[in-house]
Amino acid sequence: MYIATGVGGVIGCIFGGLMTQYSHPRWVFFTYSWFGLIVTIAAAFLTRESEKDTIIVHREESESEVSTSQEGYEDEQRSLLRE
């Protein structure tokens, strides 16, 4: 993840520098503002299911699904306290 972020940052800086050098800065800001709009539109389509991140844990007895969400963690803690 960090490598992808770093590579994306370097490519973005180079692309932004070239755009600023060969075009008017207002067009660079105009183009950059569309990226924020795209992120906003994509965020509007997120659902509760897309937030859940699950990992399958293989145990000797059986396979169980462990959720990394806050709700899953709280449910697991409650069930452990009942035992």
PDB file of N, CA and C in Angstrom:
ATOM      1  N   MET A   1       0.825  -1.171   0.000  1.00  0.00           N
ATOM      2  CA  MET A   1       0.000   0.000   0.000  1.00  0.00           C
ATOM      3  C   MET A   1       0.886   1.258   0.000  1.00  0.00           C
ATOM      4  N   TYR A   2       1.934   1.241   0.808  1.00  0.00           N
ATOM      5  CA  TYR A   2       2.801   2.417   0.875  1.00  0.00           C
ATOM      6  C   TYR A   2       3.566   2.622  -0.425  1.00  0.00           C
ATOM      7  N   ILE A   3       3.942   1.539  -1.071  1.00  0.00           N
ATOM      8  CA  ILE A   3       4.644   1.663  -2.348  1.00  0.00           C
ATOM      9  C   ILE A   3       3.714   2.269  -3.392  1.00  0.00           C
ATOM     10  N   ALA A   4       2.467   1.798  -3.441  1.00  0.00           N
ATOM     11  CA  ALA A   4       1.503   2.343  -4.402  1.00  0.00           C
ATOM     12  C   ALA A   4       1.237   3.822  -4.129  1.00  0.00           C
ATOM     13  N   THR A   5       1.138   4.189  -2.860  1.00  0.00           N
ATOM     14  CA  THR A   5       0.920   5.595  -2.505  1.00  0.00           C
ATOM     15  C   THR A   5       2.117   6.445  -2.932  1.00  0.00           C
ATOM     16  N   GLY A   6       3.310   5.948  -2.694  1.00  0.00           N
ATOM     17  CA  GLY A   6       4.509   6.688  -3.079  1.00  0.00           C
ATOM     18  C   GLY A   6       4.641   6.845  -4.580  1.00  0.00           C
ATOM     19  N   VAL A   7       4.411   5.757  -5.304  1.00  0.00           N
ATOM     20  CA  VAL A   7       4.497   5.821  -6.767  1.00  0.00           C
ATOM     21  C   VAL A   7       3.428   6.765  -7.315  1.00  0.00           C
ATOM     22  N   GLY A   8       2.217   6.675  -6.769  1.00  0.00           N
ATOM     23  CA  GLY A   8       1.149   7.582  -7.206  1.00  0.00           C
ATOM     24  C   GLY A   8       1.474   9.039  -6.910  1.00  0.00           C
ATOM     25  N   GLY A   9       2.100   9.296  -5.772  1.00  0.00           N
ATOM     26  CA  GLY A   9       2.489  10.672  -5.435  1.00  0.00           C
ATOM     27  C   GLY A   9       3.539  11.218  -6.381  1.00  0.00           C
ATOM     28  N   VAL A  10       4.533  10.399  -6.704  1.00  0.00           N
ATOM     29  CA  VAL A  10       5.586  10.837  -7.632  1.00  0.00           C
ATOM     30  C   VAL A  10       5.000  11.097  -9.022  1.00  0.00           C
ATOM     31  N   ILE A  11       4.179  10.172  -9.498  1.00  0.00           N
ATOM     32  CA  ILE A  11       3.564  10.353 -10.820  1.00  0.00           C
ATOM     33  C   ILE A  11       2.657  11.591 -10.824  1.00  0.00           C
ATOM     34  N   GLY A  12       1.916  11.798  -9.749  1.00  0.00           N
ATOM     35  CA  GLY A  12       1.057  12.972  -9.651  1.00  0.00           C
ATOM     36  C   GLY A  12       1.842  14.267  -9.658  1.00  0.00           C
ATOM     37  N   CYS A  13       2.966  14.294  -8.963  1.00  0.00           N
ATOM     38  CA  CYS A  13       3.800  15.504  -8.955  1.00  0.00           C
ATOM     39  C   CYS A  13       4.371  15.798 -10.333  1.00  0.00           C
ATOM     40  N   ILE A  14       4.849  14.759 -10.991  1.00  0.00           N
ATOM     41  CA  ILE A  14       5.400  14.956 -12.339  1.00  0.00           C
ATOM     42  C   ILE A  14       4.313  15.424 -13.298  1.00  0.00           C
ATOM     43  N   PHE A  15       3.153  14.760 -13.251  1.00  0.00           N
ATOM     44  CA  PHE A  15       2.047  15.136 -14.125  1.00  0.00           C
ATOM     45  C   PHE A  15       1.588  16.569 -13.846  1.00  0.00           C
ATOM     46  N   GLY A  16       1.466  16.926 -12.574  1.00  0.00           N
ATOM     47  CA  GLY A  16       1.053  18.282 -12.212  1.00  0.00           C
ATOM     48  C   GLY A  16       2.069  19.326 -12.647  1.00  0.00           C
ATOM     49  N   GLY A  17       3.348  19.005 -12.494  1.00  0.00           N
ATOM     50  CA  GLY A  17       4.393  19.939 -12.933  1.00  0.00           C
ATOM     51  C   GLY A  17       4.377  20.156 -14.430  1.00  0.00           C
ATOM     52  N   LEU A  18       4.204  19.079 -15.170  1.00  0.00           N
ATOM     53  CA  LEU A  18       4.146  19.207 -16.630  1.00  0.00           C
ATOM     54  C   LEU A  18       2.906  19.978 -17.072  1.00  0.00           C
ATOM     55  N   MET A  19       1.782  19.707 -16.427  1.00  0.00           N
ATOM     56  CA  MET A  19       0.565  20.448 -16.784  1.00  0.00           C
ATOM     57  C   MET A  19       0.721  21.935 -16.479  1.00  0.00           C
ATOM     58  N   THR A  20       1.304  22.255 -15.350  1.00  0.00           N
ATOM     59  CA  THR A  20       1.485  23.665 -14.979  1.00  0.00           C
ATOM     60  C   THR A  20       2.469  24.358 -15.921  1.00  0.00           C
ATOM     61  N   GLN A  21       3.484  23.632 -16.355  1.00  0.00           N
ATOM     62  CA  GLN A  21       4.478  24.222 -17.237  1.00  0.00           C
ATOM     63  C   GLN A  21       3.920  24.502 -18.631  1.00  0.00           C
ATOM     64  N   TYR A  22       3.079  23.597 -19.142  1.00  0.00           N
ATOM     65  CA  TYR A  22       2.630  23.724 -20.519  1.00  0.00           C
ATOM     66  C   TYR A  22       1.207  24.249 -20.674  1.00  0.00           C
ATOM     67  N   SER A  23       0.504  24.484 -19.584  1.00  0.00           N
ATOM     68  CA  SER A  23      -0.843  25.052 -19.686  1.00  0.00           C
ATOM     69  C   SER A  23      -1.033  26.073 -18.573  1.00  0.00           C
ATOM     70  N   HIS A  24      -2.135  26.781 -18.626  1.00  0.00           N
ATOM     71  CA  HIS A  24      -2.423  27.792 -17.620  1.00  0.00           C
ATOM     72  C   HIS A  24      -2.805  27.103 -16.307  1.00  0.00           C
ATOM     73  N   PRO A  25      -2.354  27.640 -15.151  1.00  0.00           N
ATOM     74  CA  PRO A  25      -2.656  27.002 -13.860  1.00  0.00           C
ATOM     75  C   PRO A  25      -4.148  26.831 -13.579  1.00  0.00           C
ATOM     76  N   ARG A  26      -4.999  27.695 -14.142  1.00  0.00           N
ATOM     77  CA  ARG A  26      -6.429  27.545 -13.873  1.00  0.00           C
ATOM     78  C   ARG A  26      -6.961  26.231 -14.434  1.00  0.00           C
ATOM     79  N   TRP A  27      -6.394  25.759 -15.559  1.00  0.00           N
ATOM     80  CA  TRP A  27      -6.835  24.483 -16.121  1.00  0.00           C
ATOM     81  C   TRP A  27      -6.356  23.316 -15.263  1.00  0.00           C
ATOM     82  N   VAL A  28      -5.207  23.487 -14.637  1.00  0.00           N
ATOM     83  CA  VAL A  28      -4.712  22.456 -13.724  1.00  0.00           C
ATOM     84  C   VAL A  28      -5.643  22.348 -12.522  1.00  0.00           C
ATOM     85  N   PHE A  29      -6.015  23.471 -11.930  1.00  0.00           N
ATOM     86  CA  PHE A  29      -6.933  23.461 -10.795  1.00  0.00           C
ATOM     87  C   PHE A  29      -8.320  22.950 -11.205  1.00  0.00           C
ATOM     88  N   PHE A  30      -8.763  23.308 -12.401  1.00  0.00           N
ATOM     89  CA  PHE A  30     -10.041  22.822 -12.901  1.00  0.00           C
ATOM     90  C   PHE A  30     -10.022  21.297 -13.035  1.00  0.00           C
ATOM     91  N   THR A  31      -8.957  20.763 -13.612  1.00  0.00           N
ATOM     92  CA  THR A  31      -8.817  19.312 -13.758  1.00  0.00           C
ATOM     93  C   THR A  31      -8.738  18.640 -12.396  1.00  0.00           C
ATOM     94  N   TYR A  32      -7.965  19.209 -11.481  1.00  0.00           N
ATOM     95  CA  TYR A  32      -7.800  18.637 -10.144  1.00  0.00           C
ATOM     96  C   TYR A  32      -9.125  18.643  -9.369  1.00  0.00           C
ATOM     97  N   SER A  33      -9.950  19.651  -9.594  1.00  0.00           N
ATOM     98  CA  SER A  33     -11.229  19.717  -8.879  1.00  0.00           C
ATOM     99  C   SER A  33     -12.159  18.584  -9.290  1.00  0.00           C
ATOM    100  N   TRP A  34     -12.035  18.073 -10.487  1.00  0.00           N
ATOM    101  CA  TRP A  34     -12.864  16.954 -10.931  1.00  0.00           C
ATOM    102  C   TRP A  34     -12.543  15.682 -10.153  1.00  0.00           C
ATOM    103  N   PHE A  35     -11.283  15.524  -9.735  1.00  0.00           N
ATOM    104  CA  PHE A  35     -10.928  14.337  -8.951  1.00  0.00           C
ATOM    105  C   PHE A  35     -11.688  14.299  -7.635  1.00  0.00           C
ATOM    106  N   GLY A  36     -11.846  15.437  -6.994  1.00  0.00           N
ATOM    107  CA  GLY A  36     -12.627  15.503  -5.757  1.00  0.00           C
ATOM    108  C   GLY A  36     -14.082  15.157  -5.991  1.00  0.00           C
ATOM    109  N   LEU A  37     -14.616  15.606  -7.111  1.00  0.00           N
ATOM    110  CA  LEU A  37     -15.998  15.287  -7.453  1.00  0.00           C
ATOM    111  C   LEU A  37     -16.164  13.787  -7.713  1.00  0.00           C
ATOM    112  N   ILE A  38     -15.201  13.184  -8.372  1.00  0.00           N
ATOM    113  CA  ILE A  38     -15.256  11.741  -8.637  1.00  0.00           C
ATOM    114  C   ILE A  38     -15.224  10.954  -7.334  1.00  0.00           C
ATOM    115  N   VAL A  39     -14.368  11.349  -6.396  1.00  0.00           N
ATOM    116  CA  VAL A  39     -14.300  10.676  -5.097  1.00  0.00           C
ATOM    117  C   VAL A  39     -15.616  10.834  -4.340  1.00  0.00           C
ATOM    118  N   THR A  40     -16.215  12.016  -4.400  1.00  0.00           N
ATOM    119  CA  THR A  40     -17.478  12.261  -3.725  1.00  0.00           C
ATOM    120  C   THR A  40     -18.596  11.388  -4.302  1.00  0.00           C
ATOM    121  N   ILE A  41     -18.650  11.285  -5.612  1.00  0.00           N
ATOM    122  CA  ILE A  41     -19.667  10.452  -6.246  1.00  0.00           C
ATOM    123  C   ILE A  41     -19.446   8.978  -5.895  1.00  0.00           C
ATOM    124  N   ALA A  42     -18.201   8.529  -5.918  1.00  0.00           N
ATOM    125  CA  ALA A  42     -17.911   7.135  -5.571  1.00  0.00           C
ATOM    126  C   ALA A  42     -18.275   6.850  -4.120  1.00  0.00           C
ATOM    127  N   ALA A  43     -18.062   7.804  -3.220  1.00  0.00           N
ATOM    128  CA  ALA A  43     -18.403   7.615  -1.811  1.00  0.00           C
ATOM    129  C   ALA A  43     -19.903   7.511  -1.605  1.00  0.00           C
ATOM    130  N   ALA A  44     -20.680   8.152  -2.469  1.00  0.00           N
ATOM    131  CA  ALA A  44     -22.137   8.084  -2.344  1.00  0.00           C
ATOM    132  C   ALA A  44     -22.664   6.682  -2.630  1.00  0.00           C
ATOM    133  N   PHE A  45     -21.908   5.872  -3.355  1.00  0.00           N
ATOM    134  CA  PHE A  45     -22.338   4.518  -3.693  1.00  0.00           C
ATOM    135  C   PHE A  45     -21.846   3.460  -2.707  1.00  0.00           C
ATOM    136  N   LEU A  46     -21.150   3.870  -1.658  1.00  0.00           N
ATOM    137  CA  LEU A  46     -20.716   2.900  -0.650  1.00  0.00           C
ATOM    138  C   LEU A  46     -21.926   2.384   0.117  1.00  0.00           C
ATOM    139  N   THR A  47     -21.908   1.117   0.412  1.00  0.00           N
ATOM    140  CA  THR A  47     -22.988   0.514   1.181  1.00  0.00           C
ATOM    141  C   THR A  47     -22.411  -0.092   2.453  1.00  0.00           C
ATOM    142  N   ARG A  48     -23.296  -0.542   3.305  1.00  0.00           N
ATOM    143  CA  ARG A  48     -22.870  -1.163   4.547  1.00  0.00           C
ATOM    144  C   ARG A  48     -22.080  -2.445   4.257  1.00  0.00           C
ATOM    145  N   GLU A  49     -22.478  -3.172   3.220  1.00  0.00           N
ATOM    146  CA  GLU A  49     -21.793  -4.401   2.859  1.00  0.00           C
ATOM    147  C   GLU A  49     -20.382  -4.130   2.350  1.00  0.00           C
ATOM    148  N   SER A  50     -20.182  -3.010   1.661  1.00  0.00           N
ATOM    149  CA  SER A  50     -18.852  -2.721   1.146  1.00  0.00           C
ATOM    150  C   SER A  50     -17.894  -2.295   2.246  1.00  0.00           C
ATOM    151  N   GLU A  51     -18.416  -1.924   3.416  1.00  0.00           N
ATOM    152  CA  GLU A  51     -17.553  -1.553   4.531  1.00  0.00           C
ATOM    153  C   GLU A  51     -17.013  -2.770   5.270  1.00  0.00           C
ATOM    154  N   LYS A  52     -17.713  -3.902   5.152  1.00  0.00           N
ATOM    155  CA  LYS A  52     -17.312  -5.093   5.890  1.00  0.00           C
ATOM    156  C   LYS A  52     -16.101  -5.729   5.229  1.00  0.00           C
ATOM    157  N   ASP A  53     -15.108  -5.971   6.035  1.00  0.00           N
ATOM    158  CA  ASP A  53     -13.897  -6.628   5.569  1.00  0.00           C
ATOM    159  C   ASP A  53     -13.777  -7.915   6.359  1.00  0.00           C
ATOM    160  N   THR A  54     -13.818  -9.042   5.694  1.00  0.00           N
ATOM    161  CA  THR A  54     -13.786 -10.305   6.415  1.00  0.00           C
ATOM    162  C   THR A  54     -12.551 -11.098   6.050  1.00  0.00           C
ATOM    163  N   ILE A  55     -12.126 -11.885   6.992  1.00  0.00           N
ATOM    164  CA  ILE A  55     -10.975 -12.755   6.826  1.00  0.00           C
ATOM    165  C   ILE A  55     -11.420 -14.156   7.216  1.00  0.00           C
ATOM    166  N   ILE A  56     -11.078 -15.117   6.420  1.00  0.00           N
ATOM    167  CA  ILE A  56     -11.404 -16.494   6.748  1.00  0.00           C
ATOM    168  C   ILE A  56     -10.241 -17.075   7.555  1.00  0.00           C
ATOM    169  N   VAL A  57     -10.561 -17.571   8.742  1.00  0.00           N
ATOM    170  CA  VAL A  57      -9.551 -18.165   9.612  1.00  0.00           C
ATOM    171  C   VAL A  57      -9.763 -19.672   9.594  1.00  0.00           C
ATOM    172  N   HIS A  58      -8.727 -20.414   9.282  1.00  0.00           N
ATOM    173  CA  HIS A  58      -8.825 -21.872   9.251  1.00  0.00           C
ATOM    174  C   HIS A  58      -8.389 -22.416  10.603  1.00  0.00           C
ATOM    175  N   ARG A  59      -9.284 -23.161  11.234  1.00  0.00           N
ATOM    176  CA  ARG A  59      -8.983 -23.810  12.498  1.00  0.00           C
ATOM    177  C   ARG A  59      -9.015 -25.311  12.280  1.00  0.00           C
ATOM    178  N   GLU A  60      -8.457 -26.042  13.210  1.00  0.00           N
ATOM    179  CA  GLU A  60      -8.429 -27.490  13.080  1.00  0.00           C
ATOM    180  C   GLU A  60      -9.841 -28.065  13.119  1.00  0.00           C
ATOM    181  N   GLU A  61     -10.704 -27.546  13.990  1.00  0.00           N
ATOM    182  CA  GLU A  61     -12.053 -28.092  14.127  1.00  0.00           C
ATOM    183  C   GLU A  61     -12.956 -27.647  12.980  1.00  0.00           C
ATOM    184  N   SER A  62     -12.979 -26.348  12.682  1.00  0.00           N
ATOM    185  CA  SER A  62     -13.879 -25.833  11.663  1.00  0.00           C
ATOM    186  C   SER A  62     -13.350 -24.514  11.127  1.00  0.00           C
ATOM    187  N   GLU A  63     -14.008 -24.049  10.083  1.00  0.00           N
ATOM    188  CA  GLU A  63     -13.670 -22.741   9.536  1.00  0.00           C
ATOM    189  C   GLU A  63     -14.671 -21.732  10.080  1.00  0.00           C
ATOM    190  N   SER A  64     -14.177 -20.607  10.520  1.00  0.00           N
ATOM    191  CA  SER A  64     -15.074 -19.568  11.007  1.00  0.00           C
ATOM    192  C   SER A  64     -14.695 -18.245  10.368  1.00  0.00           C
ATOM    193  N   GLU A  65     -15.666 -17.381  10.231  1.00  0.00           N
ATOM    194  CA  GLU A  65     -15.456 -16.078   9.620  1.00  0.00           C
ATOM    195  C   GLU A  65     -15.268 -15.051  10.723  1.00  0.00           C
ATOM    196  N   VAL A  66     -14.189 -14.317  10.655  1.00  0.00           N
ATOM    197  CA  VAL A  66     -13.899 -13.302  11.654  1.00  0.00           C
ATOM    198  C   VAL A  66     -14.015 -11.946  10.991  1.00  0.00           C
ATOM    199  N   SER A  67     -14.865 -11.099  11.520  1.00  0.00           N
ATOM    200  CA  SER A  67     -15.065  -9.775  10.948  1.00  0.00           C
ATOM    201  C   SER A  67     -14.117  -8.794  11.605  1.00  0.00           C
ATOM    202  N   THR A  68     -13.564  -7.873  10.805  1.00  0.00           N
ATOM    203  CA  THR A  68     -12.677  -6.859  11.352  1.00  0.00           C
ATOM    204  C   THR A  68     -13.419  -5.554  11.621  1.00  0.00           C
ATOM    205  N   SER A  69     -14.748  -5.566  11.472  1.00  0.00           N
ATOM    206  CA  SER A  69     -15.508  -4.350  11.731  1.00  0.00           C
ATOM    207  C   SER A  69     -15.711  -4.172  13.231  1.00  0.00           C
ATOM    208  N   GLN A  70     -16.052  -2.984  13.629  1.00  0.00           N
ATOM    209  CA  GLN A  70     -16.280  -2.680  15.043  1.00  0.00           C
ATOM    210  C   GLN A  70     -17.444  -3.497  15.591  1.00  0.00           C
ATOM    211  N   GLU A  71     -18.509  -3.630  14.802  1.00  0.00           N
ATOM    212  CA  GLU A  71     -19.676  -4.390  15.262  1.00  0.00           C
ATOM    213  C   GLU A  71     -19.329  -5.859  15.479  1.00  0.00           C
ATOM    214  N   GLY A  72     -18.572  -6.424  14.550  1.00  0.00           N
ATOM    215  CA  GLY A  72     -18.174  -7.819  14.684  1.00  0.00           C
ATOM    216  C   GLY A  72     -17.305  -8.035  15.906  1.00  0.00           C
ATOM    217  N   TYR A  73     -16.418  -7.100  16.152  1.00  0.00           N
ATOM    218  CA  TYR A  73     -15.542  -7.195  17.318  1.00  0.00           C
ATOM    219  C   TYR A  73     -16.358  -7.125  18.616  1.00  0.00           C
ATOM    220  N   GLU A  74     -17.309  -6.208  18.661  1.00  0.00           N
ATOM    221  CA  GLU A  74     -18.137  -6.080  19.869  1.00  0.00           C
ATOM    222  C   GLU A  74     -18.986  -7.325  20.099  1.00  0.00           C
ATOM    223  N   ASP A  75     -19.543  -7.895  19.025  1.00  0.00           N
ATOM    224  CA  ASP A  75     -20.326  -9.117  19.164  1.00  0.00           C
ATOM    225  C   ASP A  75     -19.467 -10.270  19.681  1.00  0.00           C
ATOM    226  N   GLU A  76     -18.256 -10.355  19.172  1.00  0.00           N
ATOM    227  CA  GLU A  76     -17.349 -11.413  19.621  1.00  0.00           C
ATOM    228  C   GLU A  76     -16.998 -11.249  21.096  1.00  0.00           C
ATOM    229  N   GLN A  77     -16.774 -10.016  21.527  1.00  0.00           N
ATOM    230  CA  GLN A  77     -16.438  -9.764  22.928  1.00  0.00           C
ATOM    231  C   GLN A  77     -17.618 -10.106  23.840  1.00  0.00           C
ATOM    232  N   ARG A  78     -18.826  -9.763  23.406  1.00  0.00           N
ATOM    233  CA  ARG A  78     -20.014 -10.100  24.207  1.00  0.00           C
ATOM    234  C   ARG A  78     -20.183 -11.610  24.354  1.00  0.00           C
ATOM    235  N   SER A  79     -19.950 -12.332  23.261  1.00  0.00           N
ATOM    236  CA  SER A  79     -20.106 -13.785  23.335  1.00  0.00           C
ATOM    237  C   SER A  79     -19.034 -14.412  24.222  1.00  0.00           C
ATOM    238  N   LEU A  80     -17.835 -13.827  24.234  1.00  0.00           N
ATOM    239  CA  LEU A  80     -16.792 -14.343  25.121  1.00  0.00           C
ATOM    240  C   LEU A  80     -17.116 -14.076  26.588  1.00  0.00           C
ATOM    241  N   LEU A  81     -17.755 -12.945  26.880  1.00  0.00           N
ATOM    242  CA  LEU A  81     -18.110 -12.629  28.264  1.00  0.00           C
ATOM    243  C   LEU A  81     -19.214 -13.545  28.783  1.00  0.00           C
ATOM    244  N   ARG A  82     -20.099 -13.993  27.895  1.00  0.00           N
ATOM    245  CA  ARG A  82     -21.187 -14.883  28.298  1.00  0.00           C
ATOM    246  C   ARG A  82     -20.680 -16.269  28.695  1.00  0.00           C
ATOM    247  N   GLU A  83     -19.579 -16.693  28.094  1.00  0.00           N
ATOM    248  CA  GLU A  83     -19.041 -18.031  28.347  1.00  0.00           C
ATOM    249  C   GLU A  83     -18.393 -18.128  29.662  1.00  0.00           C
TER     250      GLU A  83
END
